[in-house]
Each structure stands twice: as structure tokens, then as C-alpha cells.
Amino acid sequence: MKVLKTLKKHRIPYLFISPFFILFFCFQLIPVVWTFYISFTEWNGLKAPEWVGFDNFSLMFRDYMFKEAFMNTVFYWIVSVIGVIAIALLIAVALKSNHLKCRKAFQTIAFLPYVCASVAMGLIFMMLFDENAGLINEVIVSLGGQRIAWLSSSQYSKIPVVILFIWRSIPWFTIIIYSGLLNISPEYYEAATVDGANVFQQFAKITIPLLKNILFFCALTITIDTWKMFNESMTLAGPGTSNTSLFQLIYENGFQTMKLGYASSLSVVLIFILLIISMIQYKLRKSDEGV
């Protein structure tokens, strides 16, 4: 009612907001509600949905593929948040430095992954990590090591996936962190230099604290991206579900085996996982601000 009164008060035609609500209802609200309904049914997309209650959810927690995909995604999440933020922060600091040589070449190399198609890069990484003729193994052998079965071994199959994801994510988050660095006044560093603080002390006491909000945003965004990971784990598929992501498992159940009810229940669980993680991160951020 307040929205309608505001529209009447400022004489804003309803036509200006109706496209948003139409798109929201058609492409967001209705699909989400439909997914919640389908998660309690058995449906193959052809016959009418058959109500099965919580059977899909009970099956999920007995399904070893779900457990393995869940743990794989947790691994991708933790490693990606740490790896992407750390490397993006170092690159952003280097770009802001006045001592960086070959700046244009460095910028091109740093931002090149952002313009590359993820599937194409997945195929390239598949060749790089090939057990017999891959460049990575050739380098390892030249250094006196043994060839590693990167994509045919369940022990190592997650490593190429997470490396590809980190490599592709770094440019975007470098831009975000770099924009934050540009907003830090040089006076802070000048005062710290006068007080005798070295580069590492300035980084720890000035740069990191003033970038807390941006780093929190990056961590939250990376979290959502990793739990929605699909292209990387799909193109660099290992044996069985050794490096399958949870999002990929949803796709395989929904569009390969046509278990749309079970896939919907996996989607519902994924939604709640993201909500819980986001709430925890937000609470930690608020408590940190309170301190």
C-alpha cells in the first residue's frame, strides 16, 4: 500500500514498474515456487507429477553421489575464496604500485581469462593436464618427478577444476579490489611512512582494514559462484563423481536421467545452503564491525 500511495503522490504511472513485476513473477517467483512443489514429487517431465512427500529428501541423504558432490563443492568453495581473494589482492596492489614495469603487458595477461569462454578454457586445461602428453606433466617429468593422473584419478581430479575456476575468477575480483585501492587516500600511507612503518605493516594495518567491506563482498560473491559451479567440473570431468559439483549433479539428474523431482529437491537444498552460508558470513561481518 505504501508503494501505491507513493506512486499516486508522485504521479508515477504504473506502466513504468509493471515490466519489472511481470518479468519477476514469470522468470523468478513462479519458477522458484514450482521448483519447491516439484521437489516433493516424482516427475520425468512427460507424465503428471506424482506426490511422494519427503522421499526425495530422504533419498538424497542416502545417496553417495550427493555426499561426494557436496564435499567436492565445499572443497571448491574454501580453496576458491582463499585463492581468488589472495591472488586478486596481490595483482591489484601490483597494478597500483608505481614500480611496476611493463604495466600494459601485465594488465593484458591479468585480465585475459575474463574474456575467454569457460568451456573453451576447460578444453585447453584438459589438454594441459593430460596424463600422457599434457604440458603440466611434461614440466614435472623434466624436473625429475613422476607423471600424475590428474583427470583419471579421484585423488587429483579436483585440482585442475579448482585451478581453472580460480584462474577465470581472478580478473573480475581484481578490478573490484583495485577500485577499492584507488579510493584509499595516499595520506594514510604517507603518515605511516613518517611513523616508520614498513610496506608489510602498511599493508596489514591500512590496506586490509580499509578493504574489509570490499573483501567481504568478494567472499560472498565467490561463495555463490562456487556453489553454482558447472562448466569447470563438467568439462574436466574425472572418474565417477570424484570432482562433480553439486550444481552439475542437479543438471545430470534433471536433464540426463530426467529425475526432475529429485533434481528439484537438490536445488532446494542448494538454495538453503546458500542462504545459511550468506547469513553466517553476514553475522560474522556485523560482529566484526561491532568489535
Protein backbone atom coordinates (compact mmCIF):
# COMPACT_ATOMS: atom_id res chain seq x y z
CA MET A 1 0.00 0.00 0.00
CA LYS A 2 2.84 2.41 0.77
CA VAL A 3 4.25 1.80 -2.71
CA LEU A 4 0.89 2.57 -4.34
CA LYS A 5 0.47 5.74 -2.25
CA THR A 6 3.96 6.86 -3.21
CA LEU A 7 3.19 6.28 -6.88
CA LYS A 8 -0.03 8.29 -6.61
CA LYS A 9 1.69 11.06 -4.68
CA HIS A 10 4.48 11.48 -7.23
CA ARG A 11 2.17 10.68 -10.18
CA ILE A 12 4.36 7.83 -11.41
CA PRO A 13 2.47 5.71 -13.95
CA TYR A 14 2.11 2.04 -13.04
CA LEU A 15 3.29 1.24 -16.56
CA PHE A 16 6.86 2.16 -15.61
CA ILE A 17 7.06 -0.59 -12.97
CA SER A 18 4.81 -3.24 -14.50
CA PRO A 19 7.53 -4.75 -16.78
CA PHE A 20 9.70 -5.44 -13.74
CA PHE A 21 6.93 -7.22 -11.86
CA ILE A 22 5.89 -9.17 -14.95
CA LEU A 23 9.46 -10.41 -15.50
CA PHE A 24 9.95 -11.08 -11.79
CA PHE A 25 6.80 -13.19 -11.49
CA CYS A 26 7.36 -15.06 -14.77
CA PHE A 27 11.07 -15.80 -14.55
CA GLN A 28 11.86 -15.77 -10.82
CA LEU A 29 8.96 -16.18 -8.41
CA ILE A 30 6.90 -18.74 -10.34
CA PRO A 31 9.91 -20.98 -11.21
CA VAL A 32 11.07 -20.96 -7.57
CA VAL A 33 7.60 -21.87 -6.27
CA TRP A 34 7.28 -24.55 -8.97
CA THR A 35 10.69 -25.99 -8.01
CA PHE A 36 9.63 -26.24 -4.37
CA TYR A 37 6.46 -28.08 -5.42
CA ILE A 38 8.25 -30.45 -7.80
CA SER A 39 10.80 -31.33 -5.10
CA PHE A 40 8.01 -33.22 -3.29
CA THR A 41 7.02 -35.19 -6.39
CA GLU A 42 8.35 -37.82 -8.77
CA TRP A 43 8.33 -36.34 -12.26
CA ASN A 44 10.10 -37.12 -15.52
CA GLY A 45 8.85 -34.06 -17.42
CA LEU A 46 6.35 -36.04 -19.50
CA LYS A 47 3.82 -37.58 -17.15
CA ALA A 48 1.93 -35.72 -14.47
CA PRO A 49 3.92 -35.16 -11.24
CA GLU A 50 3.25 -37.82 -8.60
CA TRP A 51 3.30 -36.64 -4.98
CA VAL A 52 5.88 -38.54 -2.89
CA GLY A 53 6.31 -36.20 0.06
CA PHE A 54 9.80 -36.14 1.58
CA ASP A 55 11.01 -39.25 -0.27
CA ASN A 56 13.34 -37.23 -2.49
CA PHE A 57 14.98 -35.58 0.51
CA SER A 58 15.38 -38.86 2.41
CA LEU A 59 16.87 -40.43 -0.71
CA MET A 60 19.29 -37.53 -1.04
CA PHE A 61 20.93 -38.19 2.32
CA ARG A 62 21.39 -41.87 1.42
CA ASP A 63 22.83 -41.02 -1.99
CA TYR A 64 26.64 -41.33 -2.04
CA MET A 65 26.78 -39.16 -5.18
CA PHE A 66 25.13 -36.29 -3.31
CA LYS A 67 27.55 -36.66 -0.40
CA GLU A 68 30.56 -36.67 -2.70
CA ALA A 69 29.31 -33.75 -4.80
CA PHE A 70 28.57 -31.81 -1.61
CA MET A 71 32.08 -32.37 -0.22
CA ASN A 72 33.61 -31.52 -3.61
CA THR A 73 31.74 -28.22 -3.66
CA VAL A 74 32.80 -27.42 -0.09
CA PHE A 75 36.41 -28.00 -1.18
CA TYR A 76 35.98 -25.75 -4.23
CA TRP A 77 34.36 -23.09 -2.05
CA ILE A 78 37.06 -22.91 0.64
CA VAL A 79 40.02 -23.09 -1.75
CA SER A 80 38.48 -20.61 -4.22
CA VAL A 81 37.62 -17.97 -1.63
CA ILE A 82 41.15 -18.03 -0.22
CA GLY A 83 42.89 -18.38 -3.59
CA VAL A 84 40.91 -15.82 -5.59
CA ILE A 85 40.99 -13.10 -2.93
CA ALA A 86 44.69 -13.59 -2.14
CA ILE A 87 45.85 -13.56 -5.77
CA ALA A 88 43.45 -10.80 -6.86
CA LEU A 89 44.61 -8.65 -3.94
CA LEU A 90 48.28 -9.13 -4.84
CA ILE A 91 47.63 -8.30 -8.50
CA ALA A 92 45.61 -5.21 -7.56
CA VAL A 93 48.39 -4.00 -5.26
CA ALA A 94 50.94 -4.59 -8.02
CA LEU A 95 48.83 -2.62 -10.52
CA LYS A 96 48.60 0.29 -8.10
CA SER A 97 52.34 0.27 -7.46
CA ASN A 98 54.45 2.90 -9.18
CA HIS A 99 57.35 0.45 -9.53
CA LEU A 100 55.58 -1.98 -11.84
CA LYS A 101 57.32 -2.39 -15.19
CA CYS A 102 55.59 -3.43 -18.44
CA ARG A 103 52.27 -2.34 -16.94
CA LYS A 104 50.25 -2.74 -20.16
CA ALA A 105 51.52 -6.27 -20.75
CA PHE A 106 50.86 -7.18 -17.12
CA GLN A 107 47.30 -5.81 -17.32
CA THR A 108 46.61 -7.77 -20.52
CA ILE A 109 47.87 -11.02 -19.01
CA ALA A 110 45.99 -10.43 -15.76
CA PHE A 111 42.63 -9.70 -17.39
CA LEU A 112 42.84 -12.13 -20.32
CA PRO A 113 40.99 -15.01 -18.57
CA TYR A 114 37.89 -12.83 -18.14
CA VAL A 115 37.26 -12.62 -21.91
CA CYS A 116 37.82 -16.34 -22.56
CA ALA A 117 34.88 -18.73 -22.80
CA SER A 118 34.78 -21.10 -19.85
CA VAL A 119 34.08 -24.20 -21.96
CA ALA A 120 36.94 -23.39 -24.34
CA MET A 121 39.30 -22.87 -21.42
CA GLY A 122 38.09 -26.14 -19.93
CA LEU A 123 39.12 -27.96 -23.10
CA ILE A 124 42.52 -26.25 -23.03
CA PHE A 125 43.02 -27.22 -19.40
CA MET A 126 42.05 -30.78 -20.31
CA MET A 127 44.99 -30.85 -22.72
CA LEU A 128 47.32 -29.14 -20.23
CA PHE A 129 46.53 -31.71 -17.52
CA ASP A 130 46.53 -34.74 -19.84
CA GLU A 131 48.31 -37.64 -18.15
CA ASN A 132 50.42 -38.67 -21.14
CA ALA A 133 51.06 -35.59 -23.28
CA GLY A 134 49.97 -32.68 -21.08
CA LEU A 135 52.28 -29.71 -20.57
CA ILE A 136 51.95 -29.88 -16.77
CA ASN A 137 53.19 -33.46 -16.62
CA GLU A 138 55.98 -32.71 -19.10
CA VAL A 139 57.24 -29.96 -16.80
CA ILE A 140 57.01 -32.28 -13.77
CA VAL A 141 58.94 -35.02 -15.58
CA SER A 142 61.62 -32.55 -16.73
CA LEU A 143 62.11 -31.60 -13.07
CA GLY A 144 62.59 -35.24 -12.13
CA GLY A 145 59.08 -36.01 -10.93
CA GLN A 146 56.52 -38.66 -11.88
CA ARG A 147 53.55 -38.21 -14.18
CA ILE A 148 50.30 -37.52 -12.31
CA ALA A 149 46.93 -38.86 -13.42
CA TRP A 150 45.21 -35.51 -12.97
CA LEU A 151 41.86 -36.32 -14.57
CA SER A 152 41.79 -40.10 -14.34
CA SER A 153 42.50 -40.31 -10.62
CA SER A 154 39.94 -39.47 -7.93
CA GLN A 155 42.78 -38.25 -5.73
CA TYR A 156 43.84 -35.39 -8.03
CA SER A 157 40.81 -34.73 -10.26
CA LYS A 158 39.55 -31.78 -8.17
CA ILE A 159 42.81 -29.85 -8.53
CA PRO A 160 42.50 -28.90 -12.26
CA VAL A 161 38.87 -27.88 -11.68
CA VAL A 162 39.62 -25.51 -8.82
CA ILE A 163 42.69 -24.08 -10.61
CA LEU A 164 40.58 -23.31 -13.69
CA PHE A 165 37.86 -21.69 -11.57
CA ILE A 166 40.37 -19.53 -9.67
CA TRP A 167 42.18 -18.54 -12.86
CA ARG A 168 38.93 -17.46 -14.53
CA SER A 169 37.62 -15.60 -11.47
CA ILE A 170 40.72 -13.56 -10.65
CA PRO A 171 40.32 -10.75 -13.27
CA TRP A 172 36.83 -9.68 -12.18
CA PHE A 173 37.70 -9.56 -8.48
CA THR A 174 41.00 -7.85 -9.25
CA ILE A 175 39.01 -4.99 -10.81
CA ILE A 176 36.79 -4.74 -7.72
CA ILE A 177 39.71 -4.74 -5.28
CA TYR A 178 41.73 -2.36 -7.47
CA SER A 179 38.86 0.14 -7.46
CA GLY A 180 38.84 -0.07 -3.66
CA LEU A 181 42.58 0.58 -3.51
CA LEU A 182 42.17 3.70 -5.62
CA ASN A 183 39.74 5.09 -3.03
CA ILE A 184 42.28 4.81 -0.19
CA SER A 185 43.85 8.20 0.43
CA PRO A 186 47.66 8.31 -0.03
CA GLU A 187 47.83 10.42 3.14
CA TYR A 188 47.39 7.28 5.26
CA TYR A 189 50.49 5.71 3.75
CA GLU A 190 52.48 8.95 3.97
CA ALA A 191 51.68 9.27 7.66
CA ALA A 192 52.58 5.63 8.25
CA THR A 193 55.90 6.11 6.43
CA VAL A 194 56.71 9.09 8.62
CA ASP A 195 55.97 6.96 11.69
CA GLY A 196 58.44 4.34 10.45
CA ALA A 197 56.00 1.65 9.24
CA ASN A 198 57.36 -0.62 6.50
CA VAL A 199 55.46 -1.86 3.46
CA PHE A 200 54.16 -5.01 5.14
CA GLN A 201 52.96 -3.10 8.20
CA GLN A 202 51.17 -0.59 5.99
CA PHE A 203 49.53 -3.41 4.09
CA ALA A 204 48.34 -5.14 7.27
CA LYS A 205 47.31 -2.03 9.23
CA ILE A 206 45.97 0.23 6.45
CA THR A 207 45.16 -1.63 3.24
CA ILE A 208 43.41 -4.69 4.67
CA PRO A 209 41.24 -2.83 7.25
CA LEU A 210 40.11 -0.25 4.68
CA LEU A 211 39.25 -3.01 2.18
CA LYS A 212 37.20 -5.09 4.64
CA ASN A 213 33.83 -4.27 3.07
CA ILE A 214 35.09 -4.98 -0.45
CA LEU A 215 36.78 -8.22 0.61
CA PHE A 216 33.56 -9.30 2.33
CA PHE A 217 31.61 -8.62 -0.88
CA CYS A 218 34.18 -10.62 -2.86
CA ALA A 219 34.00 -13.56 -0.44
CA LEU A 220 30.20 -13.58 -0.61
CA THR A 221 30.18 -13.41 -4.42
CA ILE A 222 32.81 -16.14 -4.77
CA THR A 223 30.79 -18.31 -2.40
CA ILE A 224 27.72 -18.04 -4.61
CA ASP A 225 29.78 -18.64 -7.75
CA THR A 226 31.47 -21.78 -6.40
CA TRP A 227 28.22 -23.34 -5.25
CA LYS A 228 26.88 -22.71 -8.77
CA MET A 229 29.98 -24.12 -10.46
CA PHE A 230 29.14 -26.15 -13.56
CA ASN A 231 31.29 -25.56 -16.66
CA GLU A 232 34.62 -26.29 -14.98
CA SER A 233 33.65 -29.60 -13.39
CA MET A 234 31.67 -30.64 -16.47
CA THR A 235 34.48 -30.13 -18.99
CA LEU A 236 37.18 -31.50 -16.67
CA ALA A 237 35.14 -34.50 -15.51
CA GLY A 238 37.06 -37.08 -13.50
CA PRO A 239 36.22 -40.71 -12.76
CA GLY A 240 32.71 -41.16 -11.36
CA THR A 241 31.71 -38.25 -9.15
CA SER A 242 35.24 -37.59 -7.89
CA ASN A 243 35.14 -33.93 -8.94
CA THR A 244 31.43 -33.45 -9.67
CA SER A 245 29.97 -30.22 -8.27
CA LEU A 246 26.56 -30.06 -6.64
CA PHE A 247 25.21 -27.89 -9.44
CA GLN A 248 26.45 -30.40 -12.01
CA LEU A 249 24.72 -33.20 -10.10
CA ILE A 250 21.46 -31.23 -10.30
CA TYR A 251 21.88 -30.91 -14.08
CA GLU A 252 22.68 -34.60 -14.55
CA ASN A 253 19.64 -35.73 -12.54
CA GLY A 254 17.33 -33.23 -14.19
CA PHE A 255 18.34 -33.36 -17.85
CA GLN A 256 20.23 -36.63 -18.34
CA THR A 257 18.33 -39.14 -16.21
CA MET A 258 15.13 -37.00 -16.21
CA LYS A 259 14.66 -37.27 -12.44
CA LEU A 260 13.23 -33.77 -12.24
CA GLY A 261 11.68 -34.28 -8.81
CA TYR A 262 14.98 -35.38 -7.29
CA ALA A 263 16.86 -32.60 -9.13
CA SER A 264 14.39 -30.06 -7.72
CA SER A 265 14.96 -31.35 -4.18
CA LEU A 266 18.72 -30.92 -4.74
CA SER A 267 18.04 -27.36 -5.93
CA VAL A 268 16.00 -26.60 -2.82
CA VAL A 269 18.82 -27.86 -0.60
CA LEU A 270 21.32 -25.76 -2.56
CA ILE A 271 19.14 -22.66 -2.02
CA PHE A 272 19.05 -23.25 1.73
CA ILE A 273 22.80 -23.91 1.85
CA LEU A 274 23.49 -20.57 0.15
CA LEU A 275 21.05 -18.79 2.49
CA ILE A 276 22.70 -20.28 5.58
CA ILE A 277 26.25 -19.51 4.39
CA SER A 278 25.26 -15.94 3.45
CA MET A 279 23.62 -15.39 6.84
CA ILE A 280 26.68 -16.72 8.68
CA GLN A 281 29.01 -14.51 6.66
CA TYR A 282 26.77 -11.51 7.27
CA LYS A 283 26.60 -12.21 11.01
CA LEU A 284 30.37 -12.57 11.22
CA ARG A 285 30.77 -9.29 9.38
CA LYS A 286 28.33 -7.49 11.71
CA SER A 287 30.02 -8.89 14.82
CA ASP A 288 33.40 -7.79 13.46
CA GLU A 289 32.04 -4.27 12.94
CA GLY A 290 30.68 -4.31 16.48
CA VAL A 291 34.11 -5.08 17.87
